[in-house]
Amino acid sequence: MRPSGLAVRGDGASLRRPIADSWRRAELAGLTPATAFDGLRYDAVDTTSALLVAAAPVLDNLNERLTGTGFTTLLVDRDGRVARRWSSDERAGRAFDSLGVAAGASLLEDRIGTNAPGTVLETRASIMVNADEHFAEPLRAVSCFGQPIVHPVTRRIEGVLDVSALMAAVNPSCRRSSRAWWRRSSSACSTAAASPSVASWGRSRPWPTGAGPWSPCTATPSSATRRRRTC
């Protein structure tokens, strides 16, 4: 391990510590980058679950503001299954269809390796996973950010709110604003899931102005810039 907290993977590229830790867990699970995505499995999703039903208005509000930004949102349940996927971008939609990331797909880290939803469920912490930081090679065209949805009373993780885009990395300058957005969104989902009667919270809650949390963000291809990221 380097003093900076960066690890080196097989091809010599550096990885941030939380990503390196996730890669190690994937390797311990017997996965390899070339074949990890072969383990993508599908399970039935309960469309009447408290999380999915109660969070729907929150996600509708969020997705409306993301229209035209090229980002895709995923709502993943506590078992790692995609409960809902949304994108206004046809290219992104086709890419996720091609990957098989659709309702019911299991994104657990021990099945497909490092990815934002799966790693959030493993660590209980939000994480940004840039394209080439994904363990499974087919996912390396996508960058994503995952935020846990935590029950406000039990503190149990109810799921993960994820935003993804077809880009090498996200501009570090927008990290703080985007995190604030996703924390507010995941908090709304948490409140709604805990009490479905307040599912309309997301419609009346004041939201930041602008097209969305990622509207000022652009791809950042520089690996040096990505290595300076600490999120």
Protein backbone atom coordinates (compact mmCIF):
# COMPACT_ATOMS: atom_id res chain seq x y z
CA MET A 1 0.00 0.00 0.00
CA ARG A 2 1.35 3.40 -0.91
CA PRO A 3 1.50 6.13 1.78
CA SER A 4 -1.12 8.11 -0.13
CA GLY A 5 -3.69 5.38 0.46
CA LEU A 6 -3.61 4.21 -3.14
CA ALA A 7 -3.30 0.54 -4.00
CA VAL A 8 -2.02 -0.87 -7.28
CA ARG A 9 -4.07 -3.41 -9.22
CA GLY A 10 -2.79 -6.04 -11.59
CA ASP A 11 -2.30 -3.73 -14.59
CA GLY A 12 -0.33 -1.21 -12.56
CA ALA A 13 -3.09 1.39 -12.24
CA SER A 14 -3.71 2.97 -8.84
CA LEU A 15 -6.93 2.55 -6.90
CA ARG A 16 -8.33 4.63 -4.06
CA ARG A 17 -8.44 2.80 -0.73
CA PRO A 18 -12.22 2.12 -0.61
CA ILE A 19 -12.10 0.85 -4.19
CA ALA A 20 -9.01 -1.26 -3.50
CA ASP A 21 -10.72 -2.76 -0.44
CA SER A 22 -13.75 -3.61 -2.57
CA TRP A 23 -11.55 -5.25 -5.24
CA ARG A 24 -9.96 -7.39 -2.55
CA ARG A 25 -13.36 -8.52 -1.30
CA ALA A 26 -14.34 -9.41 -4.86
CA GLU A 27 -11.19 -11.45 -5.31
CA LEU A 28 -11.79 -13.22 -1.99
CA ALA A 29 -15.26 -14.09 -3.30
CA GLY A 30 -13.56 -15.86 -6.20
CA LEU A 31 -14.37 -13.26 -8.86
CA THR A 32 -12.17 -12.12 -11.73
CA PRO A 33 -12.60 -8.90 -13.75
CA ALA A 34 -13.11 -10.77 -17.02
CA THR A 35 -15.83 -13.09 -15.76
CA ALA A 36 -17.39 -11.30 -12.76
CA PHE A 37 -20.35 -10.02 -14.72
CA ASP A 38 -21.16 -13.56 -15.80
CA GLY A 39 -22.56 -13.85 -12.30
CA LEU A 40 -25.36 -11.33 -12.95
CA ARG A 41 -28.53 -12.96 -11.68
CA TYR A 42 -32.15 -11.94 -11.48
CA ASP A 43 -34.60 -12.27 -8.63
CA ALA A 44 -38.24 -11.32 -8.30
CA VAL A 45 -38.89 -7.77 -7.11
CA ASP A 46 -41.78 -6.93 -4.81
CA THR A 47 -43.46 -4.04 -6.62
CA THR A 48 -45.64 -3.41 -3.57
CA SER A 49 -42.74 -3.05 -1.13
CA ALA A 50 -42.79 -0.05 1.20
CA LEU A 51 -39.54 1.22 -0.29
CA LEU A 52 -40.67 1.11 -3.91
CA VAL A 53 -44.18 2.42 -3.36
CA ALA A 54 -43.30 5.15 -0.90
CA ALA A 55 -40.16 6.32 -2.68
CA ALA A 56 -41.86 6.62 -6.08
CA PRO A 57 -42.94 10.28 -5.67
CA VAL A 58 -39.45 11.23 -4.48
CA LEU A 59 -37.87 9.56 -7.48
CA ASP A 60 -40.40 11.09 -9.86
CA ASN A 61 -39.41 14.51 -8.57
CA LEU A 62 -35.73 13.75 -8.86
CA ASN A 63 -35.97 12.20 -12.31
CA GLU A 64 -37.93 15.16 -13.62
CA ARG A 65 -35.02 17.39 -12.68
CA LEU A 66 -32.50 15.04 -14.25
CA THR A 67 -34.26 15.00 -17.63
CA GLY A 68 -31.82 15.95 -20.35
CA THR A 69 -28.69 15.47 -18.23
CA GLY A 70 -27.84 12.00 -19.55
CA PHE A 71 -27.93 10.40 -16.10
CA THR A 72 -29.70 7.22 -15.10
CA THR A 73 -31.11 6.53 -11.64
CA LEU A 74 -31.38 3.15 -9.97
CA LEU A 75 -33.32 2.30 -6.85
CA VAL A 76 -31.81 -0.84 -5.34
CA ASP A 77 -33.43 -2.70 -2.45
CA ARG A 78 -31.73 -3.99 0.68
CA ASP A 79 -31.05 -7.34 -1.02
CA GLY A 80 -29.14 -5.69 -3.86
CA ARG A 81 -31.86 -6.08 -6.49
CA VAL A 82 -32.68 -3.30 -8.94
CA ALA A 83 -36.20 -2.27 -7.97
CA ARG A 84 -36.51 0.58 -10.46
CA ARG A 85 -34.45 2.07 -13.28
CA TRP A 86 -35.04 5.39 -15.00
CA SER A 87 -33.31 7.34 -17.75
CA SER A 88 -34.41 9.98 -20.24
CA ASP A 89 -31.33 9.27 -22.37
CA GLU A 90 -31.91 6.64 -25.09
CA ARG A 91 -28.22 5.86 -25.43
CA ALA A 92 -27.90 5.23 -21.70
CA GLY A 93 -31.05 3.12 -21.72
CA ARG A 94 -29.68 0.94 -24.52
CA ALA A 95 -26.37 0.58 -22.70
CA PHE A 96 -28.03 -0.60 -19.50
CA ASP A 97 -30.29 -2.93 -21.48
CA SER A 98 -27.20 -4.40 -23.13
CA LEU A 99 -25.56 -4.90 -19.75
CA GLY A 100 -28.71 -6.50 -18.39
CA VAL A 101 -28.99 -3.98 -15.55
CA ALA A 102 -32.76 -4.04 -15.31
CA ALA A 103 -35.43 -4.73 -12.70
CA GLY A 104 -34.52 -7.76 -10.62
CA ALA A 105 -30.80 -7.73 -11.46
CA SER A 106 -28.68 -8.45 -8.38
CA LEU A 107 -25.83 -5.96 -7.95
CA LEU A 108 -24.39 -7.48 -4.77
CA GLU A 109 -20.66 -6.96 -4.53
CA ASP A 110 -19.92 -10.64 -3.91
CA ARG A 111 -21.71 -11.50 -7.17
CA ILE A 112 -20.37 -8.95 -9.64
CA GLY A 113 -17.60 -7.10 -7.80
CA THR A 114 -17.16 -3.39 -7.15
CA ASN A 115 -20.16 -1.24 -8.13
CA ALA A 116 -21.78 1.67 -6.32
CA PRO A 117 -25.01 0.01 -5.10
CA GLY A 118 -23.35 -3.27 -4.15
CA THR A 119 -20.42 -1.62 -2.40
CA VAL A 120 -22.72 0.75 -0.50
CA LEU A 121 -24.66 -2.26 0.83
CA GLU A 122 -21.37 -3.85 1.87
CA THR A 123 -19.92 -0.79 3.63
CA ARG A 124 -23.01 1.23 4.63
CA ALA A 125 -21.28 4.32 3.19
CA SER A 126 -21.80 6.38 0.07
CA ILE A 127 -19.26 5.91 -2.71
CA MET A 128 -18.32 7.18 -6.13
CA VAL A 129 -17.13 4.51 -8.55
CA ASN A 130 -15.57 5.87 -11.71
CA ALA A 131 -15.66 3.81 -14.87
CA ASP A 132 -12.35 1.97 -14.67
CA GLU A 133 -12.74 1.43 -10.92
CA HIS A 134 -15.47 -1.15 -11.50
CA PHE A 135 -14.22 -4.68 -10.91
CA ALA A 136 -16.21 -6.26 -13.74
CA GLU A 137 -14.85 -5.22 -17.13
CA PRO A 138 -18.28 -4.73 -18.82
CA LEU A 139 -19.11 -1.98 -16.29
CA ARG A 140 -16.08 0.14 -17.10
CA ALA A 141 -17.95 2.45 -19.46
CA VAL A 142 -20.11 3.71 -16.59
CA SER A 143 -19.44 6.00 -13.63
CA CYS A 144 -21.82 5.93 -10.70
CA PHE A 145 -22.51 7.34 -7.26
CA GLY A 146 -24.43 5.43 -4.60
CA GLN A 147 -26.04 6.75 -1.43
CA PRO A 148 -27.52 4.46 1.26
CA ILE A 149 -31.19 4.80 2.17
CA VAL A 150 -31.24 4.36 5.93
CA HIS A 151 -34.39 3.83 8.02
CA PRO A 152 -34.62 6.89 10.30
CA VAL A 153 -35.62 4.82 13.34
CA THR A 154 -34.04 1.38 13.04
CA ARG A 155 -30.96 2.64 11.13
CA ARG A 156 -31.30 -0.39 8.92
CA ILE A 157 -30.32 0.07 5.28
CA GLU A 158 -33.51 -0.11 3.21
CA GLY A 159 -31.78 0.26 -0.13
CA VAL A 160 -29.50 2.41 -2.26
CA LEU A 161 -30.15 5.40 -4.49
CA ASP A 162 -27.72 5.34 -7.42
CA VAL A 163 -27.01 7.73 -10.27
CA SER A 164 -24.96 6.56 -13.24
CA ALA A 165 -23.69 7.98 -16.51
CA LEU A 166 -21.75 6.83 -19.53
CA MET A 167 -18.56 8.74 -18.77
CA ALA A 168 -15.05 8.01 -17.56
CA ALA A 169 -15.40 10.08 -14.40
CA VAL A 170 -17.36 12.91 -12.90
CA ASN A 171 -15.82 16.35 -12.46
CA PRO A 172 -14.60 16.61 -8.84
CA SER A 173 -15.85 20.22 -8.65
CA CYS A 174 -19.45 19.01 -8.46
CA ARG A 175 -18.88 16.37 -5.78
CA ARG A 176 -20.10 18.43 -2.86
CA SER A 177 -23.28 19.67 -4.53
CA SER A 178 -24.12 16.26 -5.94
CA ARG A 179 -23.65 14.61 -2.56
CA ALA A 180 -25.99 17.13 -0.96
CA TRP A 181 -28.59 16.36 -3.60
CA TRP A 182 -28.39 12.58 -3.17
CA ARG A 183 -28.39 12.81 0.60
CA ARG A 184 -31.58 14.83 0.48
CA SER A 185 -33.13 12.43 -2.00
CA SER A 186 -32.13 9.32 -0.03
CA SER A 187 -33.35 10.98 3.17
CA ALA A 188 -36.70 11.56 1.51
CA CYS A 189 -36.82 7.90 0.45
CA SER A 190 -35.95 6.84 4.00
CA THR A 191 -38.70 8.96 5.51
CA ALA A 192 -41.22 7.76 2.96
CA ALA A 193 -40.31 4.10 3.37
CA ALA A 194 -40.63 4.37 7.13
CA SER A 195 -44.06 5.96 6.85
CA PRO A 196 -45.81 5.51 3.47
CA SER A 197 -48.38 8.08 4.50
CA VAL A 198 -45.77 10.79 3.96
CA ALA A 199 -44.77 9.60 0.51
CA SER A 200 -45.85 12.95 -0.88
CA TRP A 201 -42.99 14.56 1.08
CA GLY A 202 -40.77 14.52 -1.98
CA ARG A 203 -43.27 16.55 -3.99
CA SER A 204 -43.60 19.40 -1.54
CA ARG A 205 -40.07 19.52 -0.12
CA PRO A 206 -38.00 22.46 -1.41
CA TRP A 207 -35.32 21.24 -3.83
CA PRO A 208 -32.18 23.00 -5.06
CA THR A 209 -32.68 25.13 -8.14
CA GLY A 210 -31.32 24.15 -11.53
CA ALA A 211 -31.74 21.23 -13.86
CA GLY A 212 -30.31 18.79 -11.35
CA PRO A 213 -27.37 17.99 -9.13
CA TRP A 214 -25.21 16.88 -12.03
CA SER A 215 -26.03 19.55 -14.59
CA PRO A 216 -22.71 21.42 -14.16
CA CYS A 217 -20.70 18.18 -14.19
CA THR A 218 -18.62 17.03 -17.09
CA ALA A 219 -16.51 14.00 -17.80
CA THR A 220 -13.03 14.14 -16.34
CA PRO A 221 -10.80 11.71 -18.23
CA SER A 222 -7.63 12.59 -16.37
CA SER A 223 -6.51 9.67 -14.21
CA ALA A 224 -4.42 12.08 -12.13
CA THR A 225 -7.53 14.04 -11.26
CA ARG A 226 -9.40 10.86 -10.35
CA ARG A 227 -6.59 9.79 -8.05
CA ARG A 228 -6.97 12.97 -6.04
CA ARG A 229 -10.57 12.12 -5.25
CA THR A 230 -11.27 11.00 -1.71
CA CYS A 231 -14.96 10.24 -1.88
